[in-house]
């Protein structure tokens, strides 16, 4: 998804939901910290948005801007309404949100996950697409393993699950470093 398509999506979602503020989860939340979205990130057609003040609008948003919508057919991207209660987010994530708003969002602000919170959340989900994304975040230095470890300690999961996630993080960091060293040797 391009920045301009995200801007259009935010503008139209704001008008539909009558909300000027949205939570933006998932990979597109890096728009708040990346002037240019790195090309090596996996491509995505969706933005995970949720209305901050009018959550009752999610059904309308999904119908009008979701995967099978006219919006999707016109713009080639779609909105996926993700309830913050469904994601595994570290305690304190709302205090670290980063705003994304441009003149083309029509006054609508996307409140984006801070990159280390995003990393911890995607690590907890650990889907195939998340694995590629997390490796790219490490290669681009958009997440700091020391900070991610602290955020993982604040995830609302069992101690056993936290230990599994820490082991997965260490393996991912090690693999990413090994891949980067191999590329430098070529």
C-alpha atoms as a PDB file:
ATOM      1  CA  UNK A   1       0.000   0.000   0.000  1.00  0.00           C
ATOM      2  CA  UNK A   2       1.337   3.397  -0.904  1.00  0.00           C
ATOM      3  CA  UNK A   3       1.285   6.416   1.369  1.00  0.00           C
ATOM      4  CA  UNK A   4      -1.175   8.170  -0.957  1.00  0.00           C
ATOM      5  CA  UNK A   5      -3.593   5.215  -0.810  1.00  0.00           C
ATOM      6  CA  UNK A   6      -3.385   5.197   2.986  1.00  0.00           C
ATOM      7  CA  UNK A   7      -4.129   8.929   3.006  1.00  0.00           C
ATOM      8  CA  UNK A   8      -7.205   8.388   0.819  1.00  0.00           C
ATOM      9  CA  UNK A   9      -8.311   5.534   3.076  1.00  0.00           C
ATOM     10  CA  UNK A  10      -7.980   7.654   6.213  1.00  0.00           C
ATOM     11  CA  UNK A  11      -9.854  10.569   4.675  1.00  0.00           C
ATOM     12  CA  UNK A  12     -12.738   8.369   3.516  1.00  0.00           C
ATOM     13  CA  UNK A  13     -12.827   6.340   6.758  1.00  0.00           C
ATOM     14  CA  UNK A  14     -12.979   9.559   8.750  1.00  0.00           C
ATOM     15  CA  UNK A  15     -15.935  10.791   6.730  1.00  0.00           C
ATOM     16  CA  UNK A  16     -17.781   7.465   6.993  1.00  0.00           C
ATOM     17  CA  UNK A  17     -17.171   6.915  10.709  1.00  0.00           C
ATOM     18  CA  UNK A  18     -17.456  10.594  11.623  1.00  0.00           C
ATOM     19  CA  UNK A  19     -14.250  10.111  13.550  1.00  0.00           C
ATOM     20  CA  UNK A  20     -11.043  12.126  13.223  1.00  0.00           C
ATOM     21  CA  UNK A  21      -8.891   9.595  15.072  1.00  0.00           C
ATOM     22  CA  UNK A  22      -8.139   5.976  14.249  1.00  0.00           C
ATOM     23  CA  UNK A  23      -5.842   3.362  15.704  1.00  0.00           C
ATOM     24  CA  UNK A  24      -3.568   2.053  12.939  1.00  0.00           C
ATOM     25  CA  UNK A  25      -2.160  -1.371  13.711  1.00  0.00           C
ATOM     26  CA  UNK A  26      -0.035  -3.623  11.570  1.00  0.00           C
ATOM     27  CA  UNK A  27       2.662  -2.865   9.063  1.00  0.00           C
ATOM     28  CA  UNK A  28       1.191   0.420   7.878  1.00  0.00           C
ATOM     29  CA  UNK A  29       1.782   1.927  11.322  1.00  0.00           C
ATOM     30  CA  UNK A  30       5.420   2.352  10.293  1.00  0.00           C
ATOM     31  CA  UNK A  31       4.225   5.253   8.097  1.00  0.00           C
ATOM     32  CA  UNK A  32       4.426   7.404  11.240  1.00  0.00           C
ATOM     33  CA  UNK A  33       8.207   6.904  11.482  1.00  0.00           C
ATOM     34  CA  UNK A  34       9.293   6.198   7.894  1.00  0.00           C
ATOM     35  CA  UNK A  35       9.396   9.063   5.439  1.00  0.00           C
ATOM     36  CA  UNK A  36       9.819   6.350   2.798  1.00  0.00           C
ATOM     37  CA  UNK A  37       8.439   2.892   3.371  1.00  0.00           C
ATOM     38  CA  UNK A  38      11.315   0.428   2.787  1.00  0.00           C
ATOM     39  CA  UNK A  39      10.917  -1.568  -0.435  1.00  0.00           C
ATOM     40  CA  UNK A  40      12.051  -4.785   1.163  1.00  0.00           C
ATOM     41  CA  UNK A  41       8.951  -4.983   3.341  1.00  0.00           C
ATOM     42  CA  UNK A  42       6.311  -7.494   2.275  1.00  0.00           C
ATOM     43  CA  UNK A  43       3.608  -5.879   0.148  1.00  0.00           C
ATOM     44  CA  UNK A  44       0.178  -5.496   1.667  1.00  0.00           C
ATOM     45  CA  UNK A  45      -3.193  -4.396   0.367  1.00  0.00           C
ATOM     46  CA  UNK A  46      -4.830  -3.742   3.731  1.00  0.00           C
ATOM     47  CA  UNK A  47      -4.549  -1.294   6.592  1.00  0.00           C
ATOM     48  CA  UNK A  48      -5.652  -2.404  10.040  1.00  0.00           C
ATOM     49  CA  UNK A  49      -7.726   0.522  11.296  1.00  0.00           C
ATOM     50  CA  UNK A  50     -10.109   0.975  14.189  1.00  0.00           C
ATOM     51  CA  UNK A  51     -12.119   4.118  14.983  1.00  0.00           C
ATOM     52  CA  UNK A  52     -10.816   5.579  18.232  1.00  0.00           C
ATOM     53  CA  UNK A  53     -13.944   7.425  19.371  1.00  0.00           C
ATOM     54  CA  UNK A  54     -16.769   5.754  17.445  1.00  0.00           C
ATOM     55  CA  UNK A  55     -16.075   1.999  17.531  1.00  0.00           C
ATOM     56  CA  UNK A  56     -19.687   1.295  16.572  1.00  0.00           C
ATOM     57  CA  UNK A  57     -18.758   2.438  13.049  1.00  0.00           C
ATOM     58  CA  UNK A  58     -16.562  -0.622  12.389  1.00  0.00           C
ATOM     59  CA  UNK A  59     -19.359  -2.532  10.625  1.00  0.00           C
ATOM     60  CA  UNK A  60     -20.036   0.346   8.250  1.00  0.00           C
ATOM     61  CA  UNK A  61     -16.309   0.740   7.577  1.00  0.00           C
ATOM     62  CA  UNK A  62     -15.897  -2.954   6.851  1.00  0.00           C
ATOM     63  CA  UNK A  63     -18.894  -2.921   4.499  1.00  0.00           C
ATOM     64  CA  UNK A  64     -17.929   0.245   2.621  1.00  0.00           C
ATOM     65  CA  UNK A  65     -14.128  -0.133   2.610  1.00  0.00           C
ATOM     66  CA  UNK A  66     -13.431  -3.818   3.293  1.00  0.00           C
ATOM     67  CA  UNK A  67     -12.068  -6.549   1.064  1.00  0.00           C
ATOM     68  CA  UNK A  68     -15.095  -6.937  -1.214  1.00  0.00           C
ATOM     69  CA  UNK A  69     -16.071  -3.267  -1.283  1.00  0.00           C
ATOM     70  CA  UNK A  70     -16.404  -0.674  -4.002  1.00  0.00           C
ATOM     71  CA  UNK A  71     -13.512   1.157  -2.290  1.00  0.00           C
ATOM     72  CA  UNK A  72     -11.283  -1.897  -2.809  1.00  0.00           C
ATOM     73  CA  UNK A  73     -12.280  -2.225  -6.467  1.00  0.00           C
ATOM     74  CA  UNK A  74     -11.578   1.474  -7.051  1.00  0.00           C
ATOM     75  CA  UNK A  75      -8.304   1.829  -5.098  1.00  0.00           C
ATOM     76  CA  UNK A  76      -6.887  -1.712  -4.922  1.00  0.00           C
ATOM     77  CA  UNK A  77      -6.519  -1.551  -1.127  1.00  0.00           C
ATOM     78  CA  UNK A  78      -8.923  -2.243   1.706  1.00  0.00           C
ATOM     79  CA  UNK A  79      -9.543  -1.480   5.338  1.00  0.00           C
ATOM     80  CA  UNK A  80      -9.551  -4.260   7.894  1.00  0.00           C
ATOM     81  CA  UNK A  81     -11.196  -3.215  11.164  1.00  0.00           C
ATOM     82  CA  UNK A  82      -9.070  -4.644  13.943  1.00  0.00           C
ATOM     83  CA  UNK A  83     -10.318  -4.321  17.508  1.00  0.00           C
ATOM     84  CA  UNK A  84      -7.435  -3.433  19.873  1.00  0.00           C
ATOM     85  CA  UNK A  85      -8.837  -6.006  22.304  1.00  0.00           C
ATOM     86  CA  UNK A  86      -7.996  -8.815  19.883  1.00  0.00           C
ATOM     87  CA  UNK A  87      -4.316  -7.948  19.499  1.00  0.00           C
ATOM     88  CA  UNK A  88      -1.643  -8.940  22.008  1.00  0.00           C
ATOM     89  CA  UNK A  89      -0.286  -5.494  22.889  1.00  0.00           C
ATOM     90  CA  UNK A  90       2.262  -4.558  25.569  1.00  0.00           C
ATOM     91  CA  UNK A  91       0.980  -2.637  28.585  1.00  0.00           C
ATOM     92  CA  UNK A  92       1.328   1.099  28.044  1.00  0.00           C
ATOM     93  CA  UNK A  93       1.017   0.966  24.239  1.00  0.00           C
ATOM     94  CA  UNK A  94      -1.518   3.787  24.138  1.00  0.00           C
ATOM     95  CA  UNK A  95       0.973   6.178  25.759  1.00  0.00           C
ATOM     96  CA  UNK A  96       3.499   5.446  22.997  1.00  0.00           C
ATOM     97  CA  UNK A  97       1.238   5.920  19.964  1.00  0.00           C
ATOM     98  CA  UNK A  98       2.698   8.064  17.183  1.00  0.00           C
ATOM     99  CA  UNK A  99       0.445  10.286  15.064  1.00  0.00           C
ATOM    100  CA  UNK A 100       0.328  10.048  11.284  1.00  0.00           C
ATOM    101  CA  UNK A 101      -1.505  12.909   9.598  1.00  0.00           C
ATOM    102  CA  UNK A 102      -0.763  14.756   6.383  1.00  0.00           C
ATOM    103  CA  UNK A 103      -2.589  17.502   4.499  1.00  0.00           C
ATOM    104  CA  UNK A 104      -4.123  14.745   2.339  1.00  0.00           C
ATOM    105  CA  UNK A 105      -5.771  12.877   5.246  1.00  0.00           C
ATOM    106  CA  UNK A 106      -8.355  15.644   5.557  1.00  0.00           C
ATOM    107  CA  UNK A 107      -7.712  16.265   9.247  1.00  0.00           C
ATOM    108  CA  UNK A 108      -7.896  12.571  10.135  1.00  0.00           C
ATOM    109  CA  UNK A 109      -5.103  11.216  12.330  1.00  0.00           C
ATOM    110  CA  UNK A 110      -3.946   7.608  12.429  1.00  0.00           C
ATOM    111  CA  UNK A 111      -2.508   6.814  15.842  1.00  0.00           C
ATOM    112  CA  UNK A 112       0.210   4.293  15.026  1.00  0.00           C
ATOM    113  CA  UNK A 113       1.906   1.674  17.132  1.00  0.00           C
ATOM    114  CA  UNK A 114       5.415   2.605  18.163  1.00  0.00           C
ATOM    115  CA  UNK A 115       7.765   0.297  16.183  1.00  0.00           C
ATOM    116  CA  UNK A 116       8.965  -1.753  19.159  1.00  0.00           C
ATOM    117  CA  UNK A 117       5.355  -2.301  20.279  1.00  0.00           C
ATOM    118  CA  UNK A 118       4.500  -3.327  16.714  1.00  0.00           C
ATOM    119  CA  UNK A 119       7.416  -5.758  16.715  1.00  0.00           C
ATOM    120  CA  UNK A 120       6.351  -7.346  20.031  1.00  0.00           C
ATOM    121  CA  UNK A 121       2.762  -7.664  18.817  1.00  0.00           C
ATOM    122  CA  UNK A 122       3.727  -9.254  15.501  1.00  0.00           C
ATOM    123  CA  UNK A 123       6.155 -11.561  17.292  1.00  0.00           C
ATOM    124  CA  UNK A 124       3.285 -12.757  19.507  1.00  0.00           C
ATOM    125  CA  UNK A 125       1.122 -13.389  16.408  1.00  0.00           C
ATOM    126  CA  UNK A 126       3.987 -15.107  14.513  1.00  0.00           C
ATOM    127  CA  UNK A 127       2.181 -15.710  11.216  1.00  0.00           C
ATOM    128  CA  UNK A 128       4.250 -16.357   8.076  1.00  0.00           C
ATOM    129  CA  UNK A 129       3.770 -12.780   6.863  1.00  0.00           C
ATOM    130  CA  UNK A 130       4.796 -11.494  10.308  1.00  0.00           C
ATOM    131  CA  UNK A 131       8.044 -13.438  10.186  1.00  0.00           C
ATOM    132  CA  UNK A 132       9.091 -11.765   6.928  1.00  0.00           C
ATOM    133  CA  UNK A 133       8.027  -8.380   8.231  1.00  0.00           C
ATOM    134  CA  UNK A 134       9.937  -8.753  11.519  1.00  0.00           C
ATOM    135  CA  UNK A 135      13.134  -9.767   9.742  1.00  0.00           C
ATOM    136  CA  UNK A 136      12.785  -6.687   7.527  1.00  0.00           C
ATOM    137  CA  UNK A 137      12.227  -4.481  10.582  1.00  0.00           C
ATOM    138  CA  UNK A 138      15.473  -5.774  12.076  1.00  0.00           C
ATOM    139  CA  UNK A 139      17.425  -5.345   8.828  1.00  0.00           C
ATOM    140  CA  UNK A 140      16.181  -1.751   8.516  1.00  0.00           C
ATOM    141  CA  UNK A 141      16.880  -1.097  12.204  1.00  0.00           C
ATOM    142  CA  UNK A 142      13.280  -0.071  12.847  1.00  0.00           C
ATOM    143  CA  UNK A 143      13.144  -2.142  16.032  1.00  0.00           C
ATOM    144  CA  UNK A 144      15.732  -2.430  18.764  1.00  0.00           C
ATOM    145  CA  UNK A 145      16.002  -5.906  20.306  1.00  0.00           C
ATOM    146  CA  UNK A 146      16.795  -4.512  23.785  1.00  0.00           C
ATOM    147  CA  UNK A 147      13.630  -2.385  23.729  1.00  0.00           C
ATOM    148  CA  UNK A 148      11.558  -5.227  22.248  1.00  0.00           C
ATOM    149  CA  UNK A 149      12.638  -7.472  25.140  1.00  0.00           C
ATOM    150  CA  UNK A 150      11.303  -4.881  27.608  1.00  0.00           C
ATOM    151  CA  UNK A 151       8.031  -4.613  25.697  1.00  0.00           C
ATOM    152  CA  UNK A 152       7.675  -8.383  25.596  1.00  0.00           C
ATOM    153  CA  UNK A 153       7.882  -8.404  29.397  1.00  0.00           C
ATOM    154  CA  UNK A 154       4.750  -6.219  29.323  1.00  0.00           C
ATOM    155  CA  UNK A 155       2.713  -8.505  27.060  1.00  0.00           C
ATOM    156  CA  UNK A 156      -0.422  -9.947  28.690  1.00  0.00           C
ATOM    157  CA  UNK A 157       0.679 -13.559  28.221  1.00  0.00           C
ATOM    158  CA  UNK A 158       1.950 -16.279  30.545  1.00  0.00           C
ATOM    159  CA  UNK A 159       5.567 -16.442  31.676  1.00  0.00           C
ATOM    160  CA  UNK A 160       6.001 -19.620  29.623  1.00  0.00           C
ATOM    161  CA  UNK A 161       4.730 -17.836  26.495  1.00  0.00           C
ATOM    162  CA  UNK A 162       7.032 -14.863  27.185  1.00  0.00           C
ATOM    163  CA  UNK A 163       9.980 -17.262  27.399  1.00  0.00           C
ATOM    164  CA  UNK A 164       8.968 -18.837  24.062  1.00  0.00           C
ATOM    165  CA  UNK A 165       8.740 -15.384  22.483  1.00  0.00           C
ATOM    166  CA  UNK A 166      12.136 -14.369  23.871  1.00  0.00           C
ATOM    167  CA  UNK A 167      13.699 -17.510  22.396  1.00  0.00           C
ATOM    168  CA  UNK A 168      12.024 -16.753  19.051  1.00  0.00           C
ATOM    169  CA  UNK A 169      13.301 -13.175  19.176  1.00  0.00           C
ATOM    170  CA  UNK A 170      16.869 -14.313  19.862  1.00  0.00           C
ATOM    171  CA  UNK A 171      16.701 -16.778  16.972  1.00  0.00           C
ATOM    172  CA  UNK A 172      15.319 -14.117  14.617  1.00  0.00           C
ATOM    173  CA  UNK A 173      17.981 -11.579  15.642  1.00  0.00           C
ATOM    174  CA  UNK A 174      20.710 -14.181  15.173  1.00  0.00           C
ATOM    175  CA  UNK A 175      19.422 -15.249  11.734  1.00  0.00           C
ATOM    176  CA  UNK A 176      19.102 -11.636  10.596  1.00  0.00           C
ATOM    177  CA  UNK A 177      22.667 -10.818  11.679  1.00  0.00           C
ATOM    178  CA  UNK A 178      23.988 -13.957   9.986  1.00  0.00           C
ATOM    179  CA  UNK A 179      22.173 -13.064   6.741  1.00  0.00           C
ATOM    180  CA  UNK A 180      23.511  -9.506   6.841  1.00  0.00           C
ATOM    181  CA  UNK A 181      27.093 -10.721   7.383  1.00  0.00           C
ATOM    182  CA  UNK A 182      26.768 -13.150   4.474  1.00  0.00           C
ATOM    183  CA  UNK A 183      25.537 -10.347   2.197  1.00  0.00           C
ATOM    184  CA  UNK A 184      28.479  -8.138   3.175  1.00  0.00           C
ATOM    185  CA  UNK A 185      30.934 -10.915   2.229  1.00  0.00           C
ATOM    186  CA  UNK A 186      29.511 -11.129  -1.316  1.00  0.00           C
END
